[in-house]
Amino acid sequence: MSELNRQITVEAPQEQSAGLLKTIRRWFNPETPEAETVREVIEELIEERNEESPLDGGPAIDPNERLLLGNVLKMRTVTAADIMVPRADIVAVEVDTPMPEVLALLMKERHSRLPVFRENLDDVVGMVHIKDVAVMVAERSADIDARQPSLSEIVRTLLFVSPAVRVLDLLLEMRLKRTHMALVVDEYGGIDGLLTIEDVVEQIVGEIDDEHDTDQVPSIVEKSDGTFVADARVTREEFEKRFGPVFTEEERENNDTLGGLVIFLAGHVPARGELIKHTSGVEFEVLEGDPRRVRSLRLRGLPLPAPTGK
């Protein structure tokens, strides 16, 4: 919740956001009656703020507040399956892994938490936090005669949720149970994906960068099979500079990035795994995305790259 409060404070003037913060805090309050749904709270807020005209000295809803409220309303139908990290991308650690190796993996992957499993990822016993690992490694270094600590001694509990659970419900449950990680399980108990509380909050306030995030330049990378993997933020100009003109004037008119062009072609925000075919023969497969945006694409059928001048 601290990330949410901090983002709202930055985005909206303090005197205008007080009512919004108070209302959202009431929604997250576990003592709020169950009958008072998110939609009811937001509709009440909009009605109250619309009655207070800026001409009368009242704080009308500003664009930043409207954006946040709109994101919350859009999330009513968003489920864990829509925003989870897929199983293939989960980084986890085996419970018998020596503590120094666990710490090295956490530092390499730039994660603060990792799922812990016994024999395979479908047998998860909990999660490990980097602070607990660091303390145990430090204690072992200070006392060389102490026994080697076991990862199982510091495993914390995490949530197991259905792919169909609503993201807003999950956010509330994670807050109440004071856990920052949840694993998405299928009907047979297998692990489908992973979610952190940051993934959920970002659906409301946008990307939350930390000290490990870097501003990488969007790129297009050629693969050995002849396909290309592209960041959806790659600009249309950069794409056509490399491969020549592909899109029509109508497609170029209001779309500056590959992600925007793909959404325009599909007529909606395509889901992960969806294939969009262009009249030129180029195919765009969505590799990563969420209900609000496309993140990365696989490109097939591209013309040969345009020659570069010397």
C-alpha atoms as a PDB file:
ATOM      1  CA  MET A   1       0.000   0.000   0.000  1.00  0.00           C
ATOM      2  CA  SER A   2       2.874   2.405   0.574  1.00  0.00           C
ATOM      3  CA  GLU A   3       3.643   2.342  -3.158  1.00  0.00           C
ATOM      4  CA  LEU A   4       0.030   3.217  -3.982  1.00  0.00           C
ATOM      5  CA  ASN A   5      -0.124   6.081  -1.499  1.00  0.00           C
ATOM      6  CA  ARG A   6       3.228   7.427  -2.624  1.00  0.00           C
ATOM      7  CA  GLN A   7       2.270   7.347  -6.302  1.00  0.00           C
ATOM      8  CA  ILE A   8      -1.021   9.118  -5.701  1.00  0.00           C
ATOM      9  CA  THR A   9       0.695  11.812  -3.646  1.00  0.00           C
ATOM     10  CA  VAL A  10       3.155  12.454  -6.453  1.00  0.00           C
ATOM     11  CA  GLU A  11       0.602  12.443  -9.268  1.00  0.00           C
ATOM     12  CA  ALA A  12      -2.102  14.667  -7.745  1.00  0.00           C
ATOM     13  CA  PRO A  13      -1.916  17.897  -5.711  1.00  0.00           C
ATOM     14  CA  GLN A  14      -2.089  17.144  -2.013  1.00  0.00           C
ATOM     15  CA  GLU A  15      -5.104  19.322  -1.243  1.00  0.00           C
ATOM     16  CA  GLN A  16      -7.115  17.799  -4.101  1.00  0.00           C
ATOM     17  CA  SER A  17      -6.219  14.163  -3.441  1.00  0.00           C
ATOM     18  CA  ALA A  18      -7.194  14.040   0.241  1.00  0.00           C
ATOM     19  CA  GLY A  19     -10.736  12.855  -0.482  1.00  0.00           C
ATOM     20  CA  LEU A  20      -9.539  10.252  -2.958  1.00  0.00           C
ATOM     21  CA  LEU A  21      -6.989   8.858  -0.535  1.00  0.00           C
ATOM     22  CA  LYS A  22      -9.553   8.728   2.266  1.00  0.00           C
ATOM     23  CA  THR A  23     -12.013   6.823   0.094  1.00  0.00           C
ATOM     24  CA  ILE A  24      -9.471   4.330  -1.201  1.00  0.00           C
ATOM     25  CA  ARG A  25      -8.185   3.740   2.323  1.00  0.00           C
ATOM     26  CA  ARG A  26     -11.774   2.976   3.384  1.00  0.00           C
ATOM     27  CA  TRP A  27     -12.053   0.430   0.601  1.00  0.00           C
ATOM     28  CA  PHE A  28      -8.857  -1.319   1.729  1.00  0.00           C
ATOM     29  CA  ASN A  29      -9.963  -1.207   5.391  1.00  0.00           C
ATOM     30  CA  PRO A  30     -10.857  -4.771   6.472  1.00  0.00           C
ATOM     31  CA  GLU A  31     -13.643  -3.337   8.656  1.00  0.00           C
ATOM     32  CA  THR A  32     -15.472  -1.946   5.627  1.00  0.00           C
ATOM     33  CA  PRO A  33     -18.806  -3.828   5.173  1.00  0.00           C
ATOM     34  CA  GLU A  34     -18.678  -6.460   2.447  1.00  0.00           C
ATOM     35  CA  ALA A  35     -21.778  -4.969   0.855  1.00  0.00           C
ATOM     36  CA  GLU A  36     -19.829  -1.803   0.103  1.00  0.00           C
ATOM     37  CA  THR A  37     -18.208  -2.850  -3.168  1.00  0.00           C
ATOM     38  CA  VAL A  38     -15.370  -1.123  -4.944  1.00  0.00           C
ATOM     39  CA  ARG A  39     -17.721   0.193  -7.591  1.00  0.00           C
ATOM     40  CA  GLU A  40     -20.097   1.642  -4.965  1.00  0.00           C
ATOM     41  CA  VAL A  41     -17.230   3.413  -3.216  1.00  0.00           C
ATOM     42  CA  ILE A  42     -15.907   4.892  -6.462  1.00  0.00           C
ATOM     43  CA  GLU A  43     -19.331   5.940  -7.726  1.00  0.00           C
ATOM     44  CA  GLU A  44     -19.957   7.628  -4.379  1.00  0.00           C
ATOM     45  CA  LEU A  45     -16.651   9.474  -4.656  1.00  0.00           C
ATOM     46  CA  ILE A  46     -17.363  10.648  -8.215  1.00  0.00           C
ATOM     47  CA  GLU A  47     -20.830  11.850  -7.232  1.00  0.00           C
ATOM     48  CA  GLU A  48     -19.497  13.765  -4.215  1.00  0.00           C
ATOM     49  CA  ARG A  49     -16.675  15.394  -6.157  1.00  0.00           C
ATOM     50  CA  ASN A  50     -18.889  16.317  -9.119  1.00  0.00           C
ATOM     51  CA  GLU A  51     -21.251  18.131  -6.764  1.00  0.00           C
ATOM     52  CA  GLU A  52     -18.369  20.333  -5.616  1.00  0.00           C
ATOM     53  CA  SER A  53     -17.730  22.752  -8.443  1.00  0.00           C
ATOM     54  CA  PRO A  54     -14.271  24.358  -8.679  1.00  0.00           C
ATOM     55  CA  LEU A  55     -16.121  27.677  -9.134  1.00  0.00           C
ATOM     56  CA  ASP A  56     -17.534  27.239  -5.633  1.00  0.00           C
ATOM     57  CA  GLY A  57     -14.156  26.411  -4.173  1.00  0.00           C
ATOM     58  CA  GLY A  58     -14.815  22.668  -4.241  1.00  0.00           C
ATOM     59  CA  PRO A  59     -12.130  20.190  -5.365  1.00  0.00           C
ATOM     60  CA  ALA A  60     -13.424  18.638  -8.608  1.00  0.00           C
ATOM     61  CA  ILE A  61     -11.851  15.393  -9.803  1.00  0.00           C
ATOM     62  CA  ASP A  62      -8.633  16.171 -11.637  1.00  0.00           C
ATOM     63  CA  PRO A  63      -7.221  14.122 -14.572  1.00  0.00           C
ATOM     64  CA  ASN A  64      -4.824  12.173 -12.353  1.00  0.00           C
ATOM     65  CA  GLU A  65      -7.650  11.082 -10.083  1.00  0.00           C
ATOM     66  CA  ARG A  66      -9.821  10.150 -13.047  1.00  0.00           C
ATOM     67  CA  LEU A  67      -6.989   7.994 -14.394  1.00  0.00           C
ATOM     68  CA  LEU A  68      -6.627   6.109 -11.105  1.00  0.00           C
ATOM     69  CA  LEU A  69     -10.374   5.638 -10.719  1.00  0.00           C
ATOM     70  CA  GLY A  70     -10.664   4.488 -14.312  1.00  0.00           C
ATOM     71  CA  ASN A  71      -7.906   1.930 -13.801  1.00  0.00           C
ATOM     72  CA  VAL A  72      -9.638   0.560 -10.711  1.00  0.00           C
ATOM     73  CA  LEU A  73     -12.957   0.227 -12.542  1.00  0.00           C
ATOM     74  CA  LYS A  74     -11.282  -1.513 -15.481  1.00  0.00           C
ATOM     75  CA  MET A  75      -9.755  -4.015 -13.081  1.00  0.00           C
ATOM     76  CA  ARG A  76     -13.145  -5.367 -11.981  1.00  0.00           C
ATOM     77  CA  THR A  77     -12.866  -8.176 -14.521  1.00  0.00           C
ATOM     78  CA  VAL A  78      -9.067  -8.587 -14.524  1.00  0.00           C
ATOM     79  CA  THR A  79      -7.966 -11.926 -13.073  1.00  0.00           C
ATOM     80  CA  ALA A  80      -4.693 -13.360 -11.826  1.00  0.00           C
ATOM     81  CA  ALA A  81      -4.258 -15.246 -15.098  1.00  0.00           C
ATOM     82  CA  ASP A  82      -4.263 -11.946 -17.003  1.00  0.00           C
ATOM     83  CA  ILE A  83      -1.219 -10.427 -15.286  1.00  0.00           C
ATOM     84  CA  MET A  84       0.732 -13.349 -13.793  1.00  0.00           C
ATOM     85  CA  VAL A  85       4.318 -14.212 -14.683  1.00  0.00           C
ATOM     86  CA  PRO A  86       4.005 -17.471 -16.660  1.00  0.00           C
ATOM     87  CA  ARG A  87       5.445 -20.702 -15.257  1.00  0.00           C
ATOM     88  CA  ALA A  88       8.273 -20.757 -17.802  1.00  0.00           C
ATOM     89  CA  ASP A  89       9.591 -17.419 -16.491  1.00  0.00           C
ATOM     90  CA  ILE A  90       9.420 -18.239 -12.769  1.00  0.00           C
ATOM     91  CA  VAL A  91      12.766 -18.256 -10.968  1.00  0.00           C
ATOM     92  CA  ALA A  92      12.647 -20.620  -7.967  1.00  0.00           C
ATOM     93  CA  VAL A  93      15.091 -22.442  -5.694  1.00  0.00           C
ATOM     94  CA  GLU A  94      15.240 -26.023  -4.414  1.00  0.00           C
ATOM     95  CA  VAL A  95      14.875 -26.384  -0.638  1.00  0.00           C
ATOM     96  CA  ASP A  96      18.205 -28.216  -0.219  1.00  0.00           C
ATOM     97  CA  THR A  97      20.223 -25.521  -1.994  1.00  0.00           C
ATOM     98  CA  PRO A  98      23.135 -24.250   0.178  1.00  0.00           C
ATOM     99  CA  MET A  99      22.528 -20.799   1.611  1.00  0.00           C
ATOM    100  CA  PRO A 100      25.404 -19.025  -0.211  1.00  0.00           C
ATOM    101  CA  GLU A 101      24.037 -20.303  -3.535  1.00  0.00           C
ATOM    102  CA  VAL A 102      20.569 -19.034  -2.646  1.00  0.00           C
ATOM    103  CA  LEU A 103      21.973 -15.593  -1.880  1.00  0.00           C
ATOM    104  CA  ALA A 104      23.959 -15.594  -5.124  1.00  0.00           C
ATOM    105  CA  LEU A 105      20.810 -16.463  -7.116  1.00  0.00           C
ATOM    106  CA  LEU A 106      18.805 -13.712  -5.448  1.00  0.00           C
ATOM    107  CA  MET A 107      21.495 -11.173  -6.270  1.00  0.00           C
ATOM    108  CA  LYS A 108      21.851 -12.399  -9.849  1.00  0.00           C
ATOM    109  CA  GLU A 109      18.120 -12.250 -10.575  1.00  0.00           C
ATOM    110  CA  ARG A 110      17.655  -8.950  -8.696  1.00  0.00           C
ATOM    111  CA  HIS A 111      14.720 -10.419  -6.749  1.00  0.00           C
ATOM    112  CA  SER A 112      13.961  -9.962  -3.068  1.00  0.00           C
ATOM    113  CA  ARG A 113      11.841 -13.129  -2.865  1.00  0.00           C
ATOM    114  CA  LEU A 114      11.914 -16.556  -4.520  1.00  0.00           C
ATOM    115  CA  PRO A 115       9.555 -19.541  -4.347  1.00  0.00           C
ATOM    116  CA  VAL A 116      11.068 -22.608  -2.645  1.00  0.00           C
ATOM    117  CA  PHE A 117      10.223 -26.111  -3.886  1.00  0.00           C
ATOM    118  CA  ARG A 118      11.128 -29.696  -3.002  1.00  0.00           C
ATOM    119  CA  GLU A 119      11.545 -31.804  -6.157  1.00  0.00           C
ATOM    120  CA  ASN A 120       9.814 -29.714  -8.790  1.00  0.00           C
ATOM    121  CA  LEU A 121       7.911 -26.456  -9.085  1.00  0.00           C
ATOM    122  CA  ASP A 122       4.583 -28.202  -8.456  1.00  0.00           C
ATOM    123  CA  ASP A 123       5.729 -28.999  -4.897  1.00  0.00           C
ATOM    124  CA  VAL A 124       6.281 -25.495  -3.519  1.00  0.00           C
ATOM    125  CA  VAL A 125       6.821 -25.256   0.241  1.00  0.00           C
ATOM    126  CA  GLY A 126       6.908 -21.466   0.549  1.00  0.00           C
ATOM    127  CA  MET A 127       9.125 -18.528  -0.326  1.00  0.00           C
ATOM    128  CA  VAL A 128      12.435 -17.152   0.895  1.00  0.00           C
ATOM    129  CA  HIS A 129      13.245 -13.475   1.506  1.00  0.00           C
ATOM    130  CA  ILE A 130      16.687 -12.078   0.786  1.00  0.00           C
ATOM    131  CA  LYS A 131      16.865 -10.407   4.222  1.00  0.00           C
ATOM    132  CA  ASP A 132      16.517 -13.779   5.988  1.00  0.00           C
ATOM    133  CA  VAL A 133      19.189 -15.335   3.787  1.00  0.00           C
ATOM    134  CA  ALA A 134      21.603 -12.457   4.337  1.00  0.00           C
ATOM    135  CA  VAL A 135      21.201 -12.683   8.127  1.00  0.00           C
ATOM    136  CA  MET A 136      21.884 -16.423   8.194  1.00  0.00           C
ATOM    137  CA  VAL A 137      24.902 -16.147   5.890  1.00  0.00           C
ATOM    138  CA  ALA A 138      26.304 -13.314   8.032  1.00  0.00           C
ATOM    139  CA  GLU A 139      25.830 -15.305  11.239  1.00  0.00           C
ATOM    140  CA  ARG A 140      27.558 -18.293   9.691  1.00  0.00           C
ATOM    141  CA  SER A 141      30.484 -16.102   8.588  1.00  0.00           C
ATOM    142  CA  ALA A 142      30.826 -14.661  12.101  1.00  0.00           C
ATOM    143  CA  ASP A 143      30.913 -18.110  13.712  1.00  0.00           C
ATOM    144  CA  ILE A 144      32.794 -20.576  11.527  1.00  0.00           C
ATOM    145  CA  ASP A 145      32.083 -23.370  14.010  1.00  0.00           C
ATOM    146  CA  ALA A 146      28.314 -22.930  13.699  1.00  0.00           C
ATOM    147  CA  ARG A 147      26.420 -25.557  11.746  1.00  0.00           C
ATOM    148  CA  GLN A 148      25.483 -24.838   8.151  1.00  0.00           C
ATOM    149  CA  PRO A 149      21.988 -23.242   8.212  1.00  0.00           C
ATOM    150  CA  SER A 150      19.179 -24.830   6.186  1.00  0.00           C
ATOM    151  CA  LEU A 151      16.934 -22.984   3.764  1.00  0.00           C
ATOM    152  CA  SER A 152      13.910 -24.805   5.179  1.00  0.00           C
ATOM    153  CA  GLU A 153      14.408 -22.967   8.496  1.00  0.00           C
ATOM    154  CA  ILE A 154      13.576 -19.556   7.030  1.00  0.00           C
ATOM    155  CA  VAL A 155      10.895 -20.441   4.482  1.00  0.00           C
ATOM    156  CA  ARG A 156       7.892 -18.111   4.711  1.00  0.00           C
ATOM    157  CA  THR A 157       4.330 -18.874   3.694  1.00  0.00           C
ATOM    158  CA  LEU A 158       2.814 -17.570   0.474  1.00  0.00           C
ATOM    159  CA  LEU A 159      -0.612 -17.584  -1.141  1.00  0.00           C
ATOM    160  CA  PHE A 160      -1.946 -20.158  -3.591  1.00  0.00           C
ATOM    161  CA  VAL A 161      -4.731 -18.743  -5.733  1.00  0.00           C
ATOM    162  CA  SER A 162      -6.946 -19.728  -8.646  1.00  0.00           C
ATOM    163  CA  PRO A 163      -6.265 -18.258 -12.094  1.00  0.00           C
ATOM    164  CA  ALA A 164      -9.814 -16.868 -12.000  1.00  0.00           C
ATOM    165  CA  VAL A 165      -9.415 -14.846  -8.784  1.00  0.00           C
ATOM    166  CA  ARG A 166     -10.046 -11.157  -9.362  1.00  0.00           C
ATOM    167  CA  VAL A 167      -6.965  -8.998  -9.017  1.00  0.00           C
ATOM    168  CA  LEU A 168      -8.727  -6.552  -6.695  1.00  0.00           C
ATOM    169  CA  ASP A 169      -9.742  -9.382  -4.358  1.00  0.00           C
ATOM    170  CA  LEU A 170      -6.198 -10.723  -4.461  1.00  0.00           C
ATOM    171  CA  LEU A 171      -4.733  -7.336  -3.561  1.00  0.00           C
ATOM    172  CA  LEU A 172      -6.947  -7.116  -0.493  1.00  0.00           C
ATOM    173  CA  GLU A 173      -6.100 -10.680   0.566  1.00  0.00           C
ATOM    174  CA  MET A 174      -2.364 -10.102   0.181  1.00  0.00           C
ATOM    175  CA  ARG A 175      -2.642  -6.999   2.337  1.00  0.00           C
ATOM    176  CA  LEU A 176      -4.646  -8.730   5.051  1.00  0.00           C
ATOM    177  CA  LYS A 177      -2.288 -11.731   5.169  1.00  0.00           C
ATOM    178  CA  ARG A 178       0.826  -9.550   4.920  1.00  0.00           C
ATOM    179  CA  THR A 179       2.352 -11.488   2.038  1.00  0.00           C
ATOM    180  CA  HIS A 180       3.841 -10.079  -1.145  1.00  0.00           C
ATOM    181  CA  MET A 181       3.817 -13.195  -3.326  1.00  0.00           C
ATOM    182  CA  ALA A 182       1.142 -15.538  -4.661  1.00  0.00           C
ATOM    183  CA  LEU A 183       1.365 -18.606  -6.884  1.00  0.00           C
ATOM    184  CA  VAL A 184      -1.382 -19.328  -9.396  1.00  0.00           C
ATOM    185  CA  VAL A 185      -2.404 -23.009  -9.448  1.00  0.00           C
ATOM    186  CA  ASP A 186      -4.482 -24.943 -11.960  1.00  0.00           C
ATOM    187  CA  GLU A 187      -7.303 -27.390 -11.218  1.00  0.00           C
ATOM    188  CA  TYR A 188      -4.800 -30.206 -10.662  1.00  0.00           C
ATOM    189  CA  GLY A 189      -2.635 -28.258  -8.231  1.00  0.00           C
ATOM    190  CA  GLY A 190       0.142 -27.524 -10.724  1.00  0.00           C
ATOM    191  CA  ILE A 191       1.812 -24.107 -10.767  1.00  0.00           C
ATOM    192  CA  ASP A 192       0.638 -21.908 -13.636  1.00  0.00           C
ATOM    193  CA  GLY A 193       2.250 -18.594 -12.727  1.00  0.00           C
ATOM    194  CA  LEU A 194       3.386 -16.130 -10.099  1.00  0.00           C
ATOM    195  CA  LEU A 195       2.205 -12.732  -8.880  1.00  0.00           C
ATOM    196  CA  THR A 196       3.692 -10.155  -6.535  1.00  0.00           C
ATOM    197  CA  ILE A 197       1.845  -7.324  -4.854  1.00  0.00           C
ATOM    198  CA  GLU A 198       3.852  -4.917  -7.003  1.00  0.00           C
ATOM    199  CA  ASP A 199       2.409  -6.524 -10.157  1.00  0.00           C
ATOM    200  CA  VAL A 200      -1.087  -5.866  -8.839  1.00  0.00           C
ATOM    201  CA  VAL A 201      -0.489  -2.288  -7.680  1.00  0.00           C
ATOM    202  CA  GLU A 202       1.109  -1.422 -11.025  1.00  0.00           C
ATOM    203  CA  GLN A 203      -2.220  -2.166 -12.698  1.00  0.00           C
ATOM    204  CA  ILE A 204      -3.627   0.843 -10.836  1.00  0.00           C
ATOM    205  CA  VAL A 205      -0.791   3.357 -10.678  1.00  0.00           C
ATOM    206  CA  GLY A 206       1.385   2.306 -13.625  1.00  0.00           C
ATOM    207  CA  GLU A 207       4.956   1.071 -13.672  1.00  0.00           C
ATOM    208  CA  ILE A 208       6.846   1.265 -10.378  1.00  0.00           C
ATOM    209  CA  ASP A 209      10.573   1.483 -11.032  1.00  0.00           C
ATOM    210  CA  ASP A 210      13.030   0.569  -8.304  1.00  0.00           C
ATOM    211  CA  GLU A 211      16.784   0.996  -7.957  1.00  0.00           C
ATOM    212  CA  HIS A 212      17.404  -2.115 -10.069  1.00  0.00           C
ATOM    213  CA  ASP A 213      15.277  -1.022 -13.025  1.00  0.00           C
ATOM    214  CA  THR A 214      17.206   0.426 -15.923  1.00  0.00           C
ATOM    215  CA  ASP A 215      16.008   2.548 -18.812  1.00  0.00           C
ATOM    216  CA  GLN A 216      16.870   0.119 -21.582  1.00  0.00           C
ATOM    217  CA  VAL A 217      16.451   1.303 -25.140  1.00  0.00           C
ATOM    218  CA  PRO A 218      13.635  -0.638 -26.884  1.00  0.00           C
ATOM    219  CA  SER A 219      15.186  -3.077 -29.328  1.00  0.00           C
ATOM    220  CA  ILE A 220      14.504  -5.631 -32.054  1.00  0.00           C
ATOM    221  CA  VAL A 221      16.585  -8.804 -31.741  1.00  0.00           C
ATOM    222  CA  GLU A 222      16.966 -11.380 -34.515  1.00  0.00           C
ATOM    223  CA  LYS A 223      16.666 -15.035 -33.476  1.00  0.00           C
ATOM    224  CA  SER A 224      18.362 -18.093 -34.990  1.00  0.00           C
ATOM    225  CA  ASP A 225      15.073 -19.310 -36.503  1.00  0.00           C
ATOM    226  CA  GLY A 226      14.732 -16.163 -38.602  1.00  0.00           C
ATOM    227  CA  THR A 227      12.101 -14.505 -36.419  1.00  0.00           C
ATOM    228  CA  PHE A 228      12.543 -11.260 -34.503  1.00  0.00           C
ATOM    229  CA  VAL A 229      11.651 -10.421 -30.910  1.00  0.00           C
ATOM    230  CA  ALA A 230      10.751  -6.759 -30.416  1.00  0.00           C
ATOM    231  CA  ASP A 231       9.953  -4.525 -27.494  1.00  0.00           C
ATOM    232  CA  ALA A 232       6.452  -3.138 -28.085  1.00  0.00           C
ATOM    233  CA  ARG A 233       7.849   0.360 -27.397  1.00  0.00           C
ATOM    234  CA  VAL A 234       9.955   0.278 -30.568  1.00  0.00           C
ATOM    235  CA  THR A 235       8.880   3.248 -32.660  1.00  0.00           C
ATOM    236  CA  ARG A 236       7.313   2.906 -36.074  1.00  0.00           C
ATOM    237  CA  GLU A 237      10.067   5.079 -37.534  1.00  0.00           C
ATOM    238  CA  GLU A 238      12.779   2.821 -36.137  1.00  0.00           C
ATOM    239  CA  PHE A 239      10.990  -0.295 -37.394  1.00  0.00           C
ATOM    240  CA  GLU A 240      10.528   1.015 -40.947  1.00  0.00           C
ATOM    241  CA  LYS A 241      14.057   2.408 -41.016  1.00  0.00           C
ATOM    242  CA  ARG A 242      15.277  -1.153 -40.503  1.00  0.00           C
ATOM    243  CA  PHE A 243      12.775  -3.100 -42.621  1.00  0.00           C
ATOM    244  CA  GLY A 244      11.354  -0.541 -45.011  1.00  0.00           C
ATOM    245  CA  PRO A 245       7.734   0.717 -45.272  1.00  0.00           C
ATOM    246  CA  VAL A 246       5.255  -1.939 -44.155  1.00  0.00           C
ATOM    247  CA  PHE A 247       2.251  -0.072 -42.742  1.00  0.00           C
ATOM    248  CA  THR A 248      -0.431   1.938 -44.527  1.00  0.00           C
ATOM    249  CA  GLU A 249      -1.012   5.651 -44.041  1.00  0.00           C
ATOM    250  CA  GLU A 250      -4.094   4.937 -41.933  1.00  0.00           C
ATOM    251  CA  GLU A 251      -2.083   2.632 -39.686  1.00  0.00           C
ATOM    252  CA  ARG A 252       0.694   5.182 -39.341  1.00  0.00           C
ATOM    253  CA  GLU A 253      -1.617   8.097 -38.604  1.00  0.00           C
ATOM    254  CA  ASN A 254      -2.158   7.711 -34.854  1.00  0.00           C
ATOM    255  CA  ASN A 255       0.215   4.901 -33.894  1.00  0.00           C
ATOM    256  CA  ASP A 256       3.810   5.691 -33.018  1.00  0.00           C
ATOM    257  CA  THR A 257       4.928   2.322 -31.589  1.00  0.00           C
ATOM    258  CA  LEU A 258       4.716  -1.329 -32.577  1.00  0.00           C
ATOM    259  CA  GLY A 259       2.478  -1.996 -29.592  1.00  0.00           C
ATOM    260  CA  GLY A 260       0.065   0.718 -30.673  1.00  0.00           C
ATOM    261  CA  LEU A 261       0.033  -0.569 -34.246  1.00  0.00           C
ATOM    262  CA  VAL A 262      -0.710  -4.119 -33.113  1.00  0.00           C
ATOM    263  CA  ILE A 263      -3.592  -2.931 -30.906  1.00  0.00           C
ATOM    264  CA  PHE A 264      -4.927  -0.927 -33.865  1.00  0.00           C
ATOM    265  CA  LEU A 265      -4.724  -3.962 -36.161  1.00  0.00           C
ATOM    266  CA  ALA A 266      -6.399  -6.274 -33.649  1.00  0.00           C
ATOM    267  CA  GLY A 267      -9.093  -3.784 -32.669  1.00  0.00           C
ATOM    268  CA  HIS A 268      -8.438  -4.555 -28.981  1.00  0.00           C
ATOM    269  CA  VAL A 269      -5.543  -5.182 -26.610  1.00  0.00           C
ATOM    270  CA  PRO A 270      -4.423  -8.670 -27.686  1.00  0.00           C
ATOM    271  CA  ALA A 271      -3.705 -11.306 -25.049  1.00  0.00           C
ATOM    272  CA  ARG A 272      -0.462 -13.221 -24.598  1.00  0.00           C
ATOM    273  CA  GLY A 273      -0.103 -15.808 -27.367  1.00  0.00           C
ATOM    274  CA  GLU A 274      -2.507 -14.049 -29.746  1.00  0.00           C
ATOM    275  CA  LEU A 275      -1.395 -13.852 -33.388  1.00  0.00           C
ATOM    276  CA  ILE A 276      -2.182 -10.774 -35.485  1.00  0.00           C
ATOM    277  CA  LYS A 277      -1.616 -10.949 -39.244  1.00  0.00           C
ATOM    278  CA  HIS A 278      -0.894  -7.888 -41.365  1.00  0.00           C
ATOM    279  CA  THR A 279      -1.892  -7.547 -45.024  1.00  0.00           C
ATOM    280  CA  SER A 280       1.810  -7.330 -45.933  1.00  0.00           C
ATOM    281  CA  GLY A 281       2.328 -10.894 -44.656  1.00  0.00           C
ATOM    282  CA  VAL A 282       4.027  -9.873 -41.428  1.00  0.00           C
ATOM    283  CA  GLU A 283       2.752 -11.729 -38.336  1.00  0.00           C
ATOM    284  CA  PHE A 284       2.845 -10.305 -34.805  1.00  0.00           C
ATOM    285  CA  GLU A 285       2.664 -12.766 -31.907  1.00  0.00           C
ATOM    286  CA  VAL A 286       2.179 -11.282 -28.435  1.00  0.00           C
ATOM    287  CA  LEU A 287       4.842 -12.709 -26.129  1.00  0.00           C
ATOM    288  CA  GLU A 288       4.129 -10.567 -23.093  1.00  0.00           C
ATOM    289  CA  GLY A 289       1.382  -8.182 -22.117  1.00  0.00           C
ATOM    290  CA  ASP A 290      -1.524  -7.468 -19.797  1.00  0.00           C
ATOM    291  CA  PRO A 291      -5.106  -6.247 -20.232  1.00  0.00           C
ATOM    292  CA  ARG A 292      -3.926  -2.652 -20.742  1.00  0.00           C
ATOM    293  CA  ARG A 293      -0.874  -2.943 -22.980  1.00  0.00           C
ATOM    294  CA  VAL A 294       1.414  -5.115 -25.089  1.00  0.00           C
ATOM    295  CA  ARG A 295       4.994  -5.474 -23.846  1.00  0.00           C
ATOM    296  CA  SER A 296       6.874  -7.668 -26.339  1.00  0.00           C
ATOM    297  CA  LEU A 297       6.241  -9.254 -29.724  1.00  0.00           C
ATOM    298  CA  ARG A 298       7.573 -12.005 -31.973  1.00  0.00           C
ATOM    299  CA  LEU A 299       7.697 -10.948 -35.622  1.00  0.00           C
ATOM    300  CA  ARG A 300       7.523 -13.337 -38.577  1.00  0.00           C
ATOM    301  CA  GLY A 301       7.455 -12.815 -42.336  1.00  0.00           C
ATOM    302  CA  LEU A 302       9.433  -9.595 -42.257  1.00  0.00           C
ATOM    303  CA  PRO A 303      11.115  -8.338 -45.430  1.00  0.00           C
ATOM    304  CA  LEU A 304      14.881  -8.302 -45.483  1.00  0.00           C
ATOM    305  CA  PRO A 305      16.294  -5.401 -43.448  1.00  0.00           C
ATOM    306  CA  ALA A 306      16.704  -2.239 -45.474  1.00  0.00           C
ATOM    307  CA  PRO A 307      20.321  -1.711 -46.529  1.00  0.00           C
ATOM    308  CA  THR A 308      22.226   0.852 -44.522  1.00  0.00           C
ATOM    309  CA  GLY A 309      24.312   3.480 -46.225  1.00  0.00           C
ATOM    310  CA  LYS A 310      28.036   3.688 -45.699  1.00  0.00           C
END
